[in-house]
All heavy atoms as atom14 arrays in JSON, in Angstrom:
{
  "sequence": "LLSVVKFDAFEWALEKATELGVARIVPVAAARCEKGLLAAAAKRA",
  "atom14_mask": [
    [1, 1, 1, 1, 1, 1, 1, 1, 0, 0, 0, 0, 0, 0],
    [1, 1, 1, 1, 1, 1, 1, 1, 0, 0, 0, 0, 0, 0],
    [1, 1, 1, 1, 1, 1, 0, 0, 0, 0, 0, 0, 0, 0],
    [1, 1, 1, 1, 1, 1, 1, 0, 0, 0, 0, 0, 0, 0],
    [1, 1, 1, 1, 1, 1, 1, 0, 0, 0, 0, 0, 0, 0],
    [1, 1, 1, 1, 1, 1, 1, 1, 1, 0, 0, 0, 0, 0],
    [1, 1, 1, 1, 1, 1, 1, 1, 1, 1, 1, 0, 0, 0],
    [1, 1, 1, 1, 1, 1, 1, 1, 0, 0, 0, 0, 0, 0],
    [1, 1, 1, 1, 1, 0, 0, 0, 0, 0, 0, 0, 0, 0],
    [1, 1, 1, 1, 1, 1, 1, 1, 1, 1, 1, 0, 0, 0],
    [1, 1, 1, 1, 1, 1, 1, 1, 1, 0, 0, 0, 0, 0],
    [1, 1, 1, 1, 1, 1, 1, 1, 1, 1, 1, 1, 1, 1],
    [1, 1, 1, 1, 1, 0, 0, 0, 0, 0, 0, 0, 0, 0],
    [1, 1, 1, 1, 1, 1, 1, 1, 0, 0, 0, 0, 0, 0],
    [1, 1, 1, 1, 1, 1, 1, 1, 1, 0, 0, 0, 0, 0],
    [1, 1, 1, 1, 1, 1, 1, 1, 1, 0, 0, 0, 0, 0],
    [1, 1, 1, 1, 1, 0, 0, 0, 0, 0, 0, 0, 0, 0],
    [1, 1, 1, 1, 1, 1, 1, 0, 0, 0, 0, 0, 0, 0],
    [1, 1, 1, 1, 1, 1, 1, 1, 1, 0, 0, 0, 0, 0],
    [1, 1, 1, 1, 1, 1, 1, 1, 0, 0, 0, 0, 0, 0],
    [1, 1, 1, 1, 0, 0, 0, 0, 0, 0, 0, 0, 0, 0],
    [1, 1, 1, 1, 1, 1, 1, 0, 0, 0, 0, 0, 0, 0],
    [1, 1, 1, 1, 1, 0, 0, 0, 0, 0, 0, 0, 0, 0],
    [1, 1, 1, 1, 1, 1, 1, 1, 1, 1, 1, 0, 0, 0],
    [1, 1, 1, 1, 1, 1, 1, 1, 0, 0, 0, 0, 0, 0],
    [1, 1, 1, 1, 1, 1, 1, 0, 0, 0, 0, 0, 0, 0],
    [1, 1, 1, 1, 1, 1, 1, 0, 0, 0, 0, 0, 0, 0],
    [1, 1, 1, 1, 1, 1, 1, 0, 0, 0, 0, 0, 0, 0],
    [1, 1, 1, 1, 1, 0, 0, 0, 0, 0, 0, 0, 0, 0],
    [1, 1, 1, 1, 1, 0, 0, 0, 0, 0, 0, 0, 0, 0],
    [1, 1, 1, 1, 1, 0, 0, 0, 0, 0, 0, 0, 0, 0],
    [1, 1, 1, 1, 1, 1, 1, 1, 1, 1, 1, 0, 0, 0],
    [1, 1, 1, 1, 1, 1, 0, 0, 0, 0, 0, 0, 0, 0],
    [1, 1, 1, 1, 1, 1, 1, 1, 1, 0, 0, 0, 0, 0],
    [1, 1, 1, 1, 1, 1, 1, 1, 1, 0, 0, 0, 0, 0],
    [1, 1, 1, 1, 0, 0, 0, 0, 0, 0, 0, 0, 0, 0],
    [1, 1, 1, 1, 1, 1, 1, 1, 0, 0, 0, 0, 0, 0],
    [1, 1, 1, 1, 1, 1, 1, 1, 0, 0, 0, 0, 0, 0],
    [1, 1, 1, 1, 1, 0, 0, 0, 0, 0, 0, 0, 0, 0],
    [1, 1, 1, 1, 1, 0, 0, 0, 0, 0, 0, 0, 0, 0],
    [1, 1, 1, 1, 1, 0, 0, 0, 0, 0, 0, 0, 0, 0],
    [1, 1, 1, 1, 1, 0, 0, 0, 0, 0, 0, 0, 0, 0],
    [1, 1, 1, 1, 1, 1, 1, 1, 1, 0, 0, 0, 0, 0],
    [1, 1, 1, 1, 1, 1, 1, 1, 1, 1, 1, 0, 0, 0],
    [1, 1, 1, 1, 1, 0, 0, 0, 0, 0, 0, 0, 0, 0]
  ],
  "atom14_positions": [
    [[0.88, -1.17, 0.0], [0.0, 0.0, 0.0], [0.92, 1.22, 0.0], [1.53, 1.56, 1.02], [-0.9, -0.01, 1.24], [-1.67, -1.31, 1.52], [-2.55, -1.15, 2.75], [-2.49, -1.74, 0.31], [0.0, 0.0, 0.0], [0.0, 0.0, 0.0], [0.0, 0.0, 0.0], [0.0, 0.0, 0.0], [0.0, 0.0, 0.0], [0.0, 0.0, 0.0]],
    [[1.03, 1.86, -1.14], [2.03, 2.91, -1.35], [1.39, 4.27, -1.5], [0.67, 4.54, -2.47], [2.86, 2.58, -2.59], [3.96, 3.56, -2.98], [4.97, 3.75, -1.85], [4.65, 3.1, -4.25], [0.0, 0.0, 0.0], [0.0, 0.0, 0.0], [0.0, 0.0, 0.0], [0.0, 0.0, 0.0], [0.0, 0.0, 0.0], [0.0, 0.0, 0.0]],
    [[1.63, 5.15, -0.54], [1.09, 6.5, -0.61], [1.69, 7.25, -1.8], [2.86, 7.08, -2.13], [1.41, 7.26, 0.68], [0.81, 6.64, 1.79], [0.0, 0.0, 0.0], [0.0, 0.0, 0.0], [0.0, 0.0, 0.0], [0.0, 0.0, 0.0], [0.0, 0.0, 0.0], [0.0, 0.0, 0.0], [0.0, 0.0, 0.0], [0.0, 0.0, 0.0]],
    [[0.86, 8.05, -2.43], [1.3, 8.79, -3.61], [2.2, 9.95, -3.18], [1.81, 10.79, -2.37], [0.1, 9.32, -4.41], [0.57, 10.17, -5.58], [-0.75, 8.16, -4.91], [0.0, 0.0, 0.0], [0.0, 0.0, 0.0], [0.0, 0.0, 0.0], [0.0, 0.0, 0.0], [0.0, 0.0, 0.0], [0.0, 0.0, 0.0], [0.0, 0.0, 0.0]],
    [[3.41, 9.96, -3.74], [4.37, 11.04, -3.48], [4.77, 11.62, -4.83], [4.21, 11.26, -5.87], [5.59, 10.51, -2.71], [5.21, 10.1, -1.31], [6.25, 9.35, -3.45], [0.0, 0.0, 0.0], [0.0, 0.0, 0.0], [0.0, 0.0, 0.0], [0.0, 0.0, 0.0], [0.0, 0.0, 0.0], [0.0, 0.0, 0.0], [0.0, 0.0, 0.0]],
    [[5.73, 12.52, -4.84], [6.18, 13.1, -6.1], [6.49, 11.99, -7.09], [7.11, 10.99, -6.75], [7.41, 13.98, -5.87], [7.09, 15.23, -5.04], [8.33, 16.08, -4.8], [7.98, 17.3, -3.97], [9.17, 18.15, -3.68], [0.0, 0.0, 0.0], [0.0, 0.0, 0.0], [0.0, 0.0, 0.0], [0.0, 0.0, 0.0], [0.0, 0.0, 0.0]],
    [[6.07, 12.18, -8.33], [6.02, 11.09, -9.27], [7.37, 10.46, -9.57], [7.45, 9.25, -9.82], [5.35, 11.53, -10.57], [3.86, 11.77, -10.42], [3.21, 12.69, -11.21], [3.13, 11.08, -9.47], [1.84, 12.9, -11.09], [1.76, 11.29, -9.32], [1.12, 12.21, -10.13], [0.0, 0.0, 0.0], [0.0, 0.0, 0.0], [0.0, 0.0, 0.0]],
    [[8.46, 11.23, -9.56], [9.75, 10.6, -9.82], [10.1, 9.61, -8.71], [10.59, 8.5, -8.97], [10.85, 11.65, -9.99], [10.96, 12.6, -8.8], [10.05, 12.65, -7.97], [12.0, 13.3, -8.72], [0.0, 0.0, 0.0], [0.0, 0.0, 0.0], [0.0, 0.0, 0.0], [0.0, 0.0, 0.0], [0.0, 0.0, 0.0], [0.0, 0.0, 0.0]],
    [[9.81, 9.98, -7.46], [10.06, 9.09, -6.33], [9.08, 7.92, -6.34], [9.46, 6.77, -6.05], [9.95, 9.86, -5.03], [0.0, 0.0, 0.0], [0.0, 0.0, 0.0], [0.0, 0.0, 0.0], [0.0, 0.0, 0.0], [0.0, 0.0, 0.0], [0.0, 0.0, 0.0], [0.0, 0.0, 0.0], [0.0, 0.0, 0.0], [0.0, 0.0, 0.0]],
    [[7.83, 8.19, -6.66], [6.8, 7.13, -6.7], [7.16, 6.08, -7.75], [7.08, 4.87, -7.49], [5.44, 7.76, -7.01], [4.28, 6.8, -6.92], [3.7, 6.5, -5.69], [3.77, 6.21, -8.06], [2.63, 5.62, -5.61], [2.7, 5.33, -7.98], [2.13, 5.03, -6.75], [0.0, 0.0, 0.0], [0.0, 0.0, 0.0], [0.0, 0.0, 0.0]],
    [[7.58, 6.54, -8.91], [7.91, 5.62, -9.99], [9.18, 4.83, -9.68], [9.29, 3.65, -10.04], [8.05, 6.4, -11.3], [6.7, 6.94, -11.77], [6.78, 7.9, -12.93], [7.92, 8.16, -13.42], [5.73, 8.41, -13.37], [0.0, 0.0, 0.0], [0.0, 0.0, 0.0], [0.0, 0.0, 0.0], [0.0, 0.0, 0.0], [0.0, 0.0, 0.0]],
    [[10.12, 5.45, -9.0], [11.32, 4.74, -8.57], [10.95, 3.65, -7.58], [11.47, 2.53, -7.64], [12.29, 5.74, -7.94], [13.68, 5.25, -7.79], [14.67, 5.22, -8.75], [14.29, 4.74, -6.59], [15.83, 4.71, -8.21], [15.63, 4.41, -6.91], [13.82, 4.52, -5.3], [16.5, 3.88, -5.95], [14.7, 3.99, -4.36], [16.02, 3.68, -4.69]],
    [[10.01, 3.95, -6.69], [9.53, 2.96, -5.72], [8.82, 1.81, -6.42], [8.96, 0.64, -6.04], [8.61, 3.62, -4.7], [0.0, 0.0, 0.0], [0.0, 0.0, 0.0], [0.0, 0.0, 0.0], [0.0, 0.0, 0.0], [0.0, 0.0, 0.0], [0.0, 0.0, 0.0], [0.0, 0.0, 0.0], [0.0, 0.0, 0.0], [0.0, 0.0, 0.0]],
    [[8.03, 2.1, -7.45], [7.36, 1.04, -8.21], [8.38, 0.09, -8.83], [8.22, -1.13, -8.78], [6.51, 1.66, -9.33], [5.27, 2.45, -8.94], [4.56, 2.94, -10.2], [4.32, 1.63, -8.09], [0.0, 0.0, 0.0], [0.0, 0.0, 0.0], [0.0, 0.0, 0.0], [0.0, 0.0, 0.0], [0.0, 0.0, 0.0], [0.0, 0.0, 0.0]],
    [[9.42, 0.66, -9.4], [10.45, -0.15, -10.05], [11.14, -1.08, -9.04], [11.29, -2.28, -9.29], [11.47, 0.78, -10.7], [12.63, 0.08, -11.37], [13.63, 1.06, -11.95], [13.22, 1.87, -12.82], [14.8, 1.04, -11.54], [0.0, 0.0, 0.0], [0.0, 0.0, 0.0], [0.0, 0.0, 0.0], [0.0, 0.0, 0.0], [0.0, 0.0, 0.0]],
    [[11.54, -0.51, -7.91], [12.27, -1.31, -6.92], [11.36, -2.31, -6.22], [11.79, -3.43, -5.9], [12.95, -0.39, -5.9], [13.92, 0.6, -6.52], [14.89, -0.09, -7.48], [15.75, 0.9, -8.23], [16.59, 0.25, -9.27], [0.0, 0.0, 0.0], [0.0, 0.0, 0.0], [0.0, 0.0, 0.0], [0.0, 0.0, 0.0], [0.0, 0.0, 0.0]],
    [[10.11, -1.95, -6.0], [9.16, -2.89, -5.4], [8.95, -4.09, -6.31], [8.84, -5.23, -5.84], [7.84, -2.19, -5.12], [0.0, 0.0, 0.0], [0.0, 0.0, 0.0], [0.0, 0.0, 0.0], [0.0, 0.0, 0.0], [0.0, 0.0, 0.0], [0.0, 0.0, 0.0], [0.0, 0.0, 0.0], [0.0, 0.0, 0.0], [0.0, 0.0, 0.0]],
    [[8.92, -3.84, -7.6], [8.79, -4.94, -8.56], [9.99, -5.87, -8.47], [9.85, -7.09, -8.44], [8.66, -4.39, -9.99], [7.49, -3.56, -10.07], [8.53, -5.51, -11.0], [0.0, 0.0, 0.0], [0.0, 0.0, 0.0], [0.0, 0.0, 0.0], [0.0, 0.0, 0.0], [0.0, 0.0, 0.0], [0.0, 0.0, 0.0], [0.0, 0.0, 0.0]],
    [[11.18, -5.3, -8.42], [12.39, -6.1, -8.32], [12.44, -6.89, -7.02], [13.04, -7.98, -6.96], [13.62, -5.2, -8.43], [13.8, -4.55, -9.8], [15.0, -3.63, -9.84], [15.92, -3.81, -9.02], [15.01, -2.72, -10.69], [0.0, 0.0, 0.0], [0.0, 0.0, 0.0], [0.0, 0.0, 0.0], [0.0, 0.0, 0.0], [0.0, 0.0, 0.0]],
    [[11.8, -6.38, -5.98], [11.79, -7.06, -4.69], [10.62, -8.03, -4.55], [10.4, -8.58, -3.47], [11.78, -6.03, -3.56], [13.13, -5.32, -3.36], [12.97, -4.06, -2.52], [14.14, -6.26, -2.72], [0.0, 0.0, 0.0], [0.0, 0.0, 0.0], [0.0, 0.0, 0.0], [0.0, 0.0, 0.0], [0.0, 0.0, 0.0], [0.0, 0.0, 0.0]],
    [[9.87, -8.22, -5.62], [8.92, -9.32, -5.67], [7.5, -9.06, -5.23], [6.73, -10.01, -5.05], [0.0, 0.0, 0.0], [0.0, 0.0, 0.0], [0.0, 0.0, 0.0], [0.0, 0.0, 0.0], [0.0, 0.0, 0.0], [0.0, 0.0, 0.0], [0.0, 0.0, 0.0], [0.0, 0.0, 0.0], [0.0, 0.0, 0.0], [0.0, 0.0, 0.0]],
    [[7.07, -7.8, -5.07], [5.69, -7.57, -4.62], [4.7, -8.15, -5.62], [4.92, -8.13, -6.83], [5.38, -6.08, -4.39], [6.21, -5.52, -3.26], [5.56, -5.28, -5.65], [0.0, 0.0, 0.0], [0.0, 0.0, 0.0], [0.0, 0.0, 0.0], [0.0, 0.0, 0.0], [0.0, 0.0, 0.0], [0.0, 0.0, 0.0], [0.0, 0.0, 0.0]],
    [[3.6, -8.65, -5.11], [2.57, -9.25, -5.96], [1.5, -8.25, -6.36], [0.9, -8.38, -7.43], [1.92, -10.43, -5.23], [0.0, 0.0, 0.0], [0.0, 0.0, 0.0], [0.0, 0.0, 0.0], [0.0, 0.0, 0.0], [0.0, 0.0, 0.0], [0.0, 0.0, 0.0], [0.0, 0.0, 0.0], [0.0, 0.0, 0.0], [0.0, 0.0, 0.0]],
    [[1.29, -7.24, -5.52], [0.17, -6.32, -5.73], [0.53, -4.96, -5.17], [1.14, -4.87, -4.1], [-1.08, -6.88, -5.04], [-2.35, -6.05, -5.13], [-3.51, -6.89, -4.62], [-4.73, -6.11, -4.46], [-5.16, -5.62, -3.29], [-4.47, -5.86, -2.18], [-6.28, -4.94, -3.21], [0.0, 0.0, 0.0], [0.0, 0.0, 0.0], [0.0, 0.0, 0.0]],
    [[0.19, -3.89, -5.89], [0.47, -2.53, -5.44], [-0.81, -1.72, -5.47], [-1.52, -1.68, -6.49], [1.54, -1.85, -6.32], [2.85, -2.64, -6.28], [1.77, -0.41, -5.88], [3.9, -2.15, -7.26], [0.0, 0.0, 0.0], [0.0, 0.0, 0.0], [0.0, 0.0, 0.0], [0.0, 0.0, 0.0], [0.0, 0.0, 0.0], [0.0, 0.0, 0.0]],
    [[-1.12, -1.07, -4.35], [-2.29, -0.21, -4.25], [-1.83, 1.21, -3.95], [-1.28, 1.47, -2.87], [-3.25, -0.68, -3.14], [-4.49, 0.22, -3.1], [-3.64, -2.14, -3.33], [0.0, 0.0, 0.0], [0.0, 0.0, 0.0], [0.0, 0.0, 0.0], [0.0, 0.0, 0.0], [0.0, 0.0, 0.0], [0.0, 0.0, 0.0], [0.0, 0.0, 0.0]],
    [[-2.0, 2.16, -4.88], [-1.66, 3.55, -4.57], [-2.68, 4.11, -3.58], [-3.89, 3.89, -3.73], [-1.74, 4.25, -5.93], [-2.67, 3.4, -6.74], [-2.5, 1.99, -6.25], [0.0, 0.0, 0.0], [0.0, 0.0, 0.0], [0.0, 0.0, 0.0], [0.0, 0.0, 0.0], [0.0, 0.0, 0.0], [0.0, 0.0, 0.0], [0.0, 0.0, 0.0]],
    [[-2.18, 4.82, -2.57], [-3.05, 5.28, -1.48], [-3.11, 6.8, -1.43], [-2.07, 7.48, -1.49], [-2.55, 4.74, -0.13], [-3.41, 5.25, 1.01], [-2.56, 3.2, -0.16], [0.0, 0.0, 0.0], [0.0, 0.0, 0.0], [0.0, 0.0, 0.0], [0.0, 0.0, 0.0], [0.0, 0.0, 0.0], [0.0, 0.0, 0.0], [0.0, 0.0, 0.0]],
    [[-4.32, 7.32, -1.32], [-4.53, 8.77, -1.2], [-4.55, 9.13, 0.28], [-5.61, 9.36, 0.87], [-5.84, 9.16, -1.88], [0.0, 0.0, 0.0], [0.0, 0.0, 0.0], [0.0, 0.0, 0.0], [0.0, 0.0, 0.0], [0.0, 0.0, 0.0], [0.0, 0.0, 0.0], [0.0, 0.0, 0.0], [0.0, 0.0, 0.0], [0.0, 0.0, 0.0]],
    [[-3.37, 9.17, 0.9], [-3.28, 9.5, 2.32], [-3.57, 10.99, 2.54], [-3.49, 11.8, 1.62], [-1.88, 9.17, 2.84], [0.0, 0.0, 0.0], [0.0, 0.0, 0.0], [0.0, 0.0, 0.0], [0.0, 0.0, 0.0], [0.0, 0.0, 0.0], [0.0, 0.0, 0.0], [0.0, 0.0, 0.0], [0.0, 0.0, 0.0], [0.0, 0.0, 0.0]],
    [[-3.89, 11.32, 3.77], [-4.3, 12.69, 4.09], [-3.2, 13.71, 3.78], [-3.5, 14.84, 3.39], [-4.69, 12.78, 5.56], [0.0, 0.0, 0.0], [0.0, 0.0, 0.0], [0.0, 0.0, 0.0], [0.0, 0.0, 0.0], [0.0, 0.0, 0.0], [0.0, 0.0, 0.0], [0.0, 0.0, 0.0], [0.0, 0.0, 0.0], [0.0, 0.0, 0.0]],
    [[-1.94, 13.31, 3.95], [-0.84, 14.24, 3.74], [-0.23, 14.15, 2.35], [0.82, 14.75, 2.1], [0.23, 14.01, 4.82], [-0.25, 14.47, 6.19], [0.71, 14.13, 7.29], [0.24, 14.67, 8.58], [0.57, 14.18, 9.77], [1.39, 13.14, 9.85], [0.09, 14.73, 10.87], [0.0, 0.0, 0.0], [0.0, 0.0, 0.0], [0.0, 0.0, 0.0]],
    [[-0.88, 13.45, 1.44], [-0.45, 13.45, 0.05], [-0.79, 14.8, -0.58], [-1.81, 15.43, -0.23], [-1.15, 12.35, -0.75], [-0.64, 10.67, -0.32], [0.0, 0.0, 0.0], [0.0, 0.0, 0.0], [0.0, 0.0, 0.0], [0.0, 0.0, 0.0], [0.0, 0.0, 0.0], [0.0, 0.0, 0.0], [0.0, 0.0, 0.0], [0.0, 0.0, 0.0]],
    [[0.02, 15.26, -1.51], [-0.27, 16.51, -2.2], [-1.51, 16.32, -3.08], [-1.59, 15.38, -3.86], [0.91, 16.95, -3.05], [2.15, 17.33, -2.25], [3.26, 17.83, -3.14], [2.98, 18.25, -4.29], [4.43, 17.8, -2.7], [0.0, 0.0, 0.0], [0.0, 0.0, 0.0], [0.0, 0.0, 0.0], [0.0, 0.0, 0.0], [0.0, 0.0, 0.0]],
    [[-2.45, 17.24, -2.96], [-3.71, 17.11, -3.69], [-3.51, 17.14, -5.2], [-4.21, 16.45, -5.95], [-4.68, 18.22, -3.27], [-4.93, 18.28, -1.77], [-5.35, 16.94, -1.2], [-5.57, 17.01, 0.31], [-5.8, 15.67, 0.89], [0.0, 0.0, 0.0], [0.0, 0.0, 0.0], [0.0, 0.0, 0.0], [0.0, 0.0, 0.0], [0.0, 0.0, 0.0]],
    [[-2.54, 17.95, -5.65], [-2.28, 18.01, -7.08], [-1.79, 16.68, -7.64], [-2.15, 16.29, -8.76], [0.0, 0.0, 0.0], [0.0, 0.0, 0.0], [0.0, 0.0, 0.0], [0.0, 0.0, 0.0], [0.0, 0.0, 0.0], [0.0, 0.0, 0.0], [0.0, 0.0, 0.0], [0.0, 0.0, 0.0], [0.0, 0.0, 0.0], [0.0, 0.0, 0.0]],
    [[-0.99, 15.97, -6.85], [-0.5, 14.66, -7.28], [-1.65, 13.65, -7.36], [-1.72, 12.85, -8.3], [0.57, 14.16, -6.31], [1.87, 14.95, -6.24], [2.79, 14.37, -5.18], [2.56, 14.99, -7.6], [0.0, 0.0, 0.0], [0.0, 0.0, 0.0], [0.0, 0.0, 0.0], [0.0, 0.0, 0.0], [0.0, 0.0, 0.0], [0.0, 0.0, 0.0]],
    [[-2.53, 13.7, -6.39], [-3.67, 12.79, -6.4], [-4.57, 13.05, -7.61], [-5.07, 12.11, -8.23], [-4.47, 12.93, -5.11], [-3.75, 12.56, -3.82], [-4.65, 12.81, -2.62], [-3.3, 11.1, -3.85], [0.0, 0.0, 0.0], [0.0, 0.0, 0.0], [0.0, 0.0, 0.0], [0.0, 0.0, 0.0], [0.0, 0.0, 0.0], [0.0, 0.0, 0.0]],
    [[-4.76, 14.32, -7.94], [-5.61, 14.66, -9.07], [-5.01, 14.19, -10.39], [-5.74, 13.84, -11.33], [-5.82, 16.18, -9.11], [0.0, 0.0, 0.0], [0.0, 0.0, 0.0], [0.0, 0.0, 0.0], [0.0, 0.0, 0.0], [0.0, 0.0, 0.0], [0.0, 0.0, 0.0], [0.0, 0.0, 0.0], [0.0, 0.0, 0.0], [0.0, 0.0, 0.0]],
    [[-3.69, 14.16, -10.47], [-3.02, 13.77, -11.71], [-2.71, 12.29, -11.78], [-2.27, 11.79, -12.82], [-1.72, 14.57, -11.87], [0.0, 0.0, 0.0], [0.0, 0.0, 0.0], [0.0, 0.0, 0.0], [0.0, 0.0, 0.0], [0.0, 0.0, 0.0], [0.0, 0.0, 0.0], [0.0, 0.0, 0.0], [0.0, 0.0, 0.0], [0.0, 0.0, 0.0]],
    [[-2.94, 11.56, -10.7], [-2.54, 10.15, -10.64], [-3.2, 9.3, -11.71], [-2.56, 8.43, -12.31], [-2.84, 9.58, -9.26], [0.0, 0.0, 0.0], [0.0, 0.0, 0.0], [0.0, 0.0, 0.0], [0.0, 0.0, 0.0], [0.0, 0.0, 0.0], [0.0, 0.0, 0.0], [0.0, 0.0, 0.0], [0.0, 0.0, 0.0], [0.0, 0.0, 0.0]],
    [[-4.48, 9.53, -11.96], [-5.2, 8.7, -12.93], [-4.58, 8.79, -14.32], [-4.57, 7.8, -15.07], [-6.67, 9.12, -12.98], [0.0, 0.0, 0.0], [0.0, 0.0, 0.0], [0.0, 0.0, 0.0], [0.0, 0.0, 0.0], [0.0, 0.0, 0.0], [0.0, 0.0, 0.0], [0.0, 0.0, 0.0], [0.0, 0.0, 0.0], [0.0, 0.0, 0.0]],
    [[-4.05, 9.96, -14.67], [-3.44, 10.14, -15.99], [-2.11, 9.4, -16.11], [-1.6, 9.23, -17.22], [-3.24, 11.63, -16.26], [-4.53, 12.43, -16.28], [-4.25, 13.9, -16.51], [-5.54, 14.71, -16.52], [-5.29, 16.17, -16.72], [0.0, 0.0, 0.0], [0.0, 0.0, 0.0], [0.0, 0.0, 0.0], [0.0, 0.0, 0.0], [0.0, 0.0, 0.0]],
    [[-1.55, 8.98, -14.99], [-0.26, 8.29, -14.99], [-0.4, 6.77, -14.98], [0.62, 6.06, -15.02], [0.52, 8.71, -13.75], [1.02, 10.15, -13.81], [2.42, 10.19, -14.36], [2.91, 11.53, -14.53], [4.19, 11.85, -14.59], [5.1, 10.91, -14.47], [4.57, 13.1, -14.78], [0.0, 0.0, 0.0], [0.0, 0.0, 0.0], [0.0, 0.0, 0.0]],
    [[-1.61, 6.28, -14.9], [-1.82, 4.84, -14.73], [-1.16, 4.02, -15.83], [-0.51, 3.01, -15.57], [-3.31, 4.54, -14.66], [0.0, 0.0, 0.0], [0.0, 0.0, 0.0], [0.0, 0.0, 0.0], [0.0, 0.0, 0.0], [0.0, 0.0, 0.0], [0.0, 0.0, 0.0], [0.0, 0.0, 0.0], [0.0, 0.0, 0.0], [0.0, 0.0, 0.0]]
  ]
}
């Protein structure tokens, strides 16, 4: 369950999580996530 952060860091985390064998990733809209990032997340899917 990965909170959405700045996209360069988020995408780096996706890459490394894949290499470390995760089976499933859920992006999370936590309260302290930047609202602009959450709004743009769908376009990055």
